[in-house]
N, C-alpha and C. Protein backbone atom coordinates (compact mmCIF):
# COMPACT_ATOMS: atom_id res chain seq x y z
N MET A 1 0.84 -1.18 0.00
CA MET A 1 0.00 0.00 0.00
C MET A 1 0.89 1.25 0.00
N MET A 2 0.43 2.27 -0.66
CA MET A 2 1.20 3.50 -0.74
C MET A 2 1.16 4.25 0.59
N SER A 3 2.26 4.91 0.89
CA SER A 3 2.29 5.69 2.12
C SER A 3 1.50 6.98 1.93
N MET A 4 1.20 7.62 3.03
CA MET A 4 0.42 8.86 2.99
C MET A 4 1.18 9.97 2.27
N LYS A 5 2.51 9.98 2.42
CA LYS A 5 3.31 11.00 1.76
C LYS A 5 3.29 10.82 0.25
N SER A 6 3.40 9.59 -0.22
CA SER A 6 3.39 9.35 -1.66
C SER A 6 2.00 9.62 -2.25
N LEU A 7 0.94 9.39 -1.48
CA LEU A 7 -0.39 9.73 -1.95
C LEU A 7 -0.56 11.24 -2.10
N SER A 8 0.00 11.99 -1.17
CA SER A 8 -0.07 13.45 -1.27
C SER A 8 0.73 13.97 -2.46
N ILE A 9 1.88 13.39 -2.71
CA ILE A 9 2.70 13.79 -3.86
C ILE A 9 1.97 13.44 -5.16
N SER A 10 1.39 12.26 -5.22
CA SER A 10 0.67 11.88 -6.44
C SER A 10 -0.58 12.74 -6.63
N SER A 11 -1.21 13.17 -5.54
CA SER A 11 -2.35 14.07 -5.65
C SER A 11 -1.93 15.42 -6.23
N ALA A 12 -0.79 15.92 -5.79
CA ALA A 12 -0.29 17.19 -6.33
C ALA A 12 0.07 17.05 -7.80
N LEU A 13 0.69 15.94 -8.18
CA LEU A 13 1.04 15.72 -9.59
C LEU A 13 -0.21 15.57 -10.46
N LEU A 14 -1.21 14.90 -9.94
CA LEU A 14 -2.45 14.75 -10.70
C LEU A 14 -3.18 16.09 -10.83
N PHE A 15 -3.07 16.95 -9.82
CA PHE A 15 -3.64 18.29 -9.93
C PHE A 15 -2.95 19.07 -11.05
N ILE A 16 -1.64 18.96 -11.11
CA ILE A 16 -0.90 19.65 -12.17
C ILE A 16 -1.31 19.10 -13.54
N LEU A 17 -1.46 17.78 -13.64
CA LEU A 17 -1.90 17.18 -14.91
C LEU A 17 -3.33 17.57 -15.25
N THR A 18 -4.13 17.90 -14.25
CA THR A 18 -5.50 18.34 -14.49
C THR A 18 -5.54 19.75 -15.04
N VAL A 19 -4.78 20.64 -14.44
CA VAL A 19 -4.91 22.06 -14.74
C VAL A 19 -3.97 22.51 -15.86
N PHE A 20 -2.79 21.92 -15.96
CA PHE A 20 -1.80 22.39 -16.93
C PHE A 20 -2.30 22.40 -18.38
N PRO A 21 -2.90 21.32 -18.88
CA PRO A 21 -3.37 21.38 -20.27
C PRO A 21 -4.44 22.44 -20.48
N LEU A 22 -5.29 22.64 -19.48
CA LEU A 22 -6.36 23.63 -19.61
C LEU A 22 -5.80 25.05 -19.61
N LEU A 23 -4.83 25.31 -18.75
CA LEU A 23 -4.22 26.64 -18.71
C LEU A 23 -3.26 26.85 -19.88
N ALA A 24 -2.61 25.79 -20.31
CA ALA A 24 -1.71 25.91 -21.45
C ALA A 24 -2.48 26.19 -22.73
N GLY A 25 -3.72 25.75 -22.79
CA GLY A 25 -4.55 26.02 -23.97
C GLY A 25 -4.84 27.50 -24.16
N LEU A 26 -4.65 28.29 -23.11
CA LEU A 26 -4.88 29.73 -23.20
C LEU A 26 -3.70 30.47 -23.83
N THR A 27 -2.55 29.80 -23.94
CA THR A 27 -1.37 30.44 -24.52
C THR A 27 -1.17 29.97 -25.95
N ARG A 28 -0.34 30.69 -26.67
CA ARG A 28 -0.06 30.33 -28.05
C ARG A 28 0.77 29.05 -28.13
N TRP A 29 1.76 28.92 -27.23
CA TRP A 29 2.65 27.75 -27.27
C TRP A 29 2.00 26.50 -26.71
N GLY A 30 0.98 26.65 -25.87
CA GLY A 30 0.37 25.48 -25.24
C GLY A 30 -0.82 24.92 -25.96
N ASN A 31 -1.19 25.52 -27.06
CA ASN A 31 -2.35 25.04 -27.80
C ASN A 31 -2.15 23.61 -28.30
N ASP A 32 -0.92 23.27 -28.67
CA ASP A 32 -0.63 21.90 -29.12
C ASP A 32 -0.80 20.89 -27.99
N ILE A 33 -0.40 21.27 -26.78
CA ILE A 33 -0.57 20.39 -25.61
C ILE A 33 -2.06 20.17 -25.35
N PHE A 34 -2.82 21.26 -25.37
CA PHE A 34 -4.26 21.17 -25.13
C PHE A 34 -4.94 20.28 -26.17
N THR A 35 -4.56 20.44 -27.43
CA THR A 35 -5.14 19.64 -28.50
C THR A 35 -4.74 18.18 -28.36
N ALA A 36 -3.50 17.91 -27.96
CA ALA A 36 -3.06 16.53 -27.78
C ALA A 36 -3.83 15.83 -26.67
N VAL A 37 -4.08 16.54 -25.58
CA VAL A 37 -4.86 15.96 -24.47
C VAL A 37 -6.29 15.70 -24.91
N LEU A 38 -6.89 16.64 -25.63
CA LEU A 38 -8.26 16.45 -26.08
C LEU A 38 -8.39 15.37 -27.15
N ASN A 39 -7.31 15.14 -27.92
CA ASN A 39 -7.34 14.05 -28.89
C ASN A 39 -7.35 12.70 -28.20
N ILE A 40 -6.74 12.62 -27.02
CA ILE A 40 -6.79 11.37 -26.24
C ILE A 40 -8.20 11.17 -25.71
N SER A 41 -8.69 12.15 -24.95
CA SER A 41 -10.06 12.12 -24.44
C SER A 41 -10.39 13.48 -23.86
N ILE A 42 -11.62 13.90 -24.08
CA ILE A 42 -12.06 15.18 -23.52
C ILE A 42 -12.22 15.06 -22.00
N PHE A 43 -12.38 13.85 -21.50
CA PHE A 43 -12.58 13.61 -20.08
C PHE A 43 -11.29 13.37 -19.30
N LEU A 44 -10.14 13.36 -19.97
CA LEU A 44 -8.87 13.04 -19.31
C LEU A 44 -8.54 14.00 -18.16
N PRO A 45 -8.65 15.32 -18.31
CA PRO A 45 -8.39 16.19 -17.16
C PRO A 45 -9.35 15.94 -15.99
N LEU A 46 -10.60 15.62 -16.30
CA LEU A 46 -11.57 15.31 -15.25
C LEU A 46 -11.19 14.03 -14.50
N ILE A 47 -10.74 13.04 -15.24
CA ILE A 47 -10.31 11.78 -14.62
C ILE A 47 -9.10 12.01 -13.73
N PHE A 48 -8.14 12.81 -14.21
CA PHE A 48 -6.98 13.14 -13.38
C PHE A 48 -7.40 13.88 -12.10
N GLY A 49 -8.38 14.77 -12.22
CA GLY A 49 -8.86 15.50 -11.06
C GLY A 49 -9.52 14.61 -10.03
N VAL A 50 -10.31 13.66 -10.49
CA VAL A 50 -10.99 12.74 -9.56
C VAL A 50 -9.97 11.83 -8.89
N LEU A 51 -8.99 11.34 -9.65
CA LEU A 51 -7.94 10.51 -9.05
C LEU A 51 -7.11 11.31 -8.05
N GLY A 52 -6.82 12.58 -8.39
CA GLY A 52 -6.09 13.44 -7.47
C GLY A 52 -6.87 13.72 -6.20
N LEU A 53 -8.17 13.90 -6.33
CA LEU A 53 -9.02 14.10 -5.14
C LEU A 53 -9.01 12.86 -4.25
N ALA A 54 -9.12 11.69 -4.85
CA ALA A 54 -9.10 10.45 -4.07
C ALA A 54 -7.75 10.27 -3.37
N ALA A 55 -6.67 10.56 -4.07
CA ALA A 55 -5.35 10.44 -3.45
C ALA A 55 -5.17 11.48 -2.36
N GLY A 56 -5.69 12.68 -2.55
CA GLY A 56 -5.59 13.72 -1.55
C GLY A 56 -6.37 13.41 -0.29
N LEU A 57 -7.49 12.73 -0.44
CA LEU A 57 -8.30 12.37 0.73
C LEU A 57 -7.59 11.37 1.64
N PHE A 58 -6.74 10.54 1.06
CA PHE A 58 -6.02 9.54 1.85
C PHE A 58 -4.59 9.95 2.15
N GLY A 59 -4.23 11.18 1.80
CA GLY A 59 -2.85 11.65 1.99
C GLY A 59 -2.59 12.16 3.40
N ILE A 60 -1.54 12.97 3.51
CA ILE A 60 -1.10 13.53 4.78
C ILE A 60 -2.22 14.36 5.39
N LYS A 61 -2.40 14.24 6.69
CA LYS A 61 -3.44 14.98 7.40
C LYS A 61 -3.03 16.44 7.59
N GLY A 62 -4.02 17.28 7.85
CA GLY A 62 -3.75 18.68 8.18
C GLY A 62 -3.97 19.61 7.01
N ARG A 63 -3.19 20.69 7.00
CA ARG A 63 -3.33 21.72 5.96
C ARG A 63 -3.02 21.18 4.56
N VAL A 64 -2.09 20.26 4.48
CA VAL A 64 -1.72 19.68 3.19
C VAL A 64 -2.93 18.97 2.58
N LYS A 65 -3.61 18.20 3.39
CA LYS A 65 -4.78 17.46 2.91
C LYS A 65 -5.88 18.41 2.45
N VAL A 66 -6.14 19.42 3.26
CA VAL A 66 -7.19 20.39 2.92
C VAL A 66 -6.83 21.11 1.62
N SER A 67 -5.58 21.53 1.48
CA SER A 67 -5.14 22.23 0.27
C SER A 67 -5.26 21.35 -0.96
N LEU A 68 -4.82 20.11 -0.86
CA LEU A 68 -4.89 19.22 -2.01
C LEU A 68 -6.33 18.93 -2.41
N VAL A 69 -7.20 18.75 -1.42
CA VAL A 69 -8.60 18.48 -1.72
C VAL A 69 -9.24 19.69 -2.39
N VAL A 70 -8.98 20.88 -1.85
CA VAL A 70 -9.57 22.10 -2.43
C VAL A 70 -9.03 22.34 -3.84
N PHE A 71 -7.73 22.20 -4.03
CA PHE A 71 -7.16 22.42 -5.36
C PHE A 71 -7.71 21.42 -6.37
N ASN A 72 -7.82 20.17 -5.98
CA ASN A 72 -8.35 19.17 -6.91
C ASN A 72 -9.83 19.41 -7.18
N LEU A 73 -10.58 19.88 -6.20
CA LEU A 73 -11.98 20.23 -6.45
C LEU A 73 -12.10 21.39 -7.43
N ILE A 74 -11.20 22.36 -7.32
CA ILE A 74 -11.19 23.47 -8.28
C ILE A 74 -10.88 22.95 -9.68
N GLY A 75 -9.92 22.05 -9.79
CA GLY A 75 -9.59 21.45 -11.08
C GLY A 75 -10.75 20.65 -11.66
N ILE A 76 -11.47 19.94 -10.81
CA ILE A 76 -12.63 19.17 -11.26
C ILE A 76 -13.73 20.11 -11.75
N CYS A 77 -13.97 21.19 -11.01
CA CYS A 77 -14.99 22.16 -11.42
C CYS A 77 -14.63 22.81 -12.75
N LEU A 78 -13.37 23.19 -12.91
CA LEU A 78 -12.92 23.80 -14.16
C LEU A 78 -13.06 22.82 -15.33
N SER A 79 -12.64 21.60 -15.13
CA SER A 79 -12.75 20.59 -16.20
C SER A 79 -14.22 20.29 -16.52
N SER A 80 -15.05 20.21 -15.49
CA SER A 80 -16.48 19.93 -15.71
C SER A 80 -17.14 21.06 -16.48
N PHE A 81 -16.78 22.30 -16.15
CA PHE A 81 -17.35 23.44 -16.87
C PHE A 81 -16.94 23.41 -18.34
N LEU A 82 -15.68 23.13 -18.61
CA LEU A 82 -15.23 23.09 -20.01
C LEU A 82 -15.86 21.94 -20.78
N ILE A 83 -16.07 20.80 -20.13
CA ILE A 83 -16.74 19.68 -20.78
C ILE A 83 -18.19 20.05 -21.07
N PHE A 84 -18.85 20.71 -20.11
CA PHE A 84 -20.24 21.14 -20.31
C PHE A 84 -20.35 22.09 -21.50
N VAL A 85 -19.44 23.05 -21.58
CA VAL A 85 -19.44 24.00 -22.70
C VAL A 85 -19.17 23.27 -24.01
N ALA A 86 -18.23 22.34 -24.01
CA ALA A 86 -17.90 21.62 -25.24
C ALA A 86 -19.03 20.73 -25.71
N VAL A 87 -19.74 20.11 -24.78
CA VAL A 87 -20.80 19.17 -25.16
C VAL A 87 -22.09 19.89 -25.51
N PHE A 88 -22.50 20.86 -24.68
CA PHE A 88 -23.79 21.50 -24.87
C PHE A 88 -23.72 22.91 -25.46
N GLY A 89 -22.59 23.57 -25.34
CA GLY A 89 -22.50 24.96 -25.75
C GLY A 89 -22.35 25.18 -27.23
N PHE A 90 -21.86 24.21 -27.95
CA PHE A 90 -21.60 24.40 -29.37
C PHE A 90 -22.68 23.78 -30.27
N LYS A 91 -23.79 23.38 -29.68
CA LYS A 91 -24.88 22.83 -30.49
C LYS A 91 -25.63 23.97 -31.17
N GLN A 92 -26.03 23.72 -32.39
CA GLN A 92 -26.81 24.70 -33.13
C GLN A 92 -28.27 24.62 -32.70
N PRO A 93 -28.95 25.76 -32.61
CA PRO A 93 -30.38 25.72 -32.19
C PRO A 93 -31.28 25.10 -33.23
């Protein structure tokens, strides 16, 4: 079984994997990264966020745990909003 410290580290890495492609898509140089992630799956950042949240819940106790859970929840909300816009926002009336 993974230790609490390694779960916290993996939660932080999964948070970065959740948010980085979405934020990189806002820049000129990161558009290729964003497109590559979306070519794999539009749900990939959301999956990373959920896995990061689960790892954060079992990680180190205290402020670290609270921070990781909140950050991963923000990443999940951001990914969910972008998926909602992509699925329902671009439909023609």
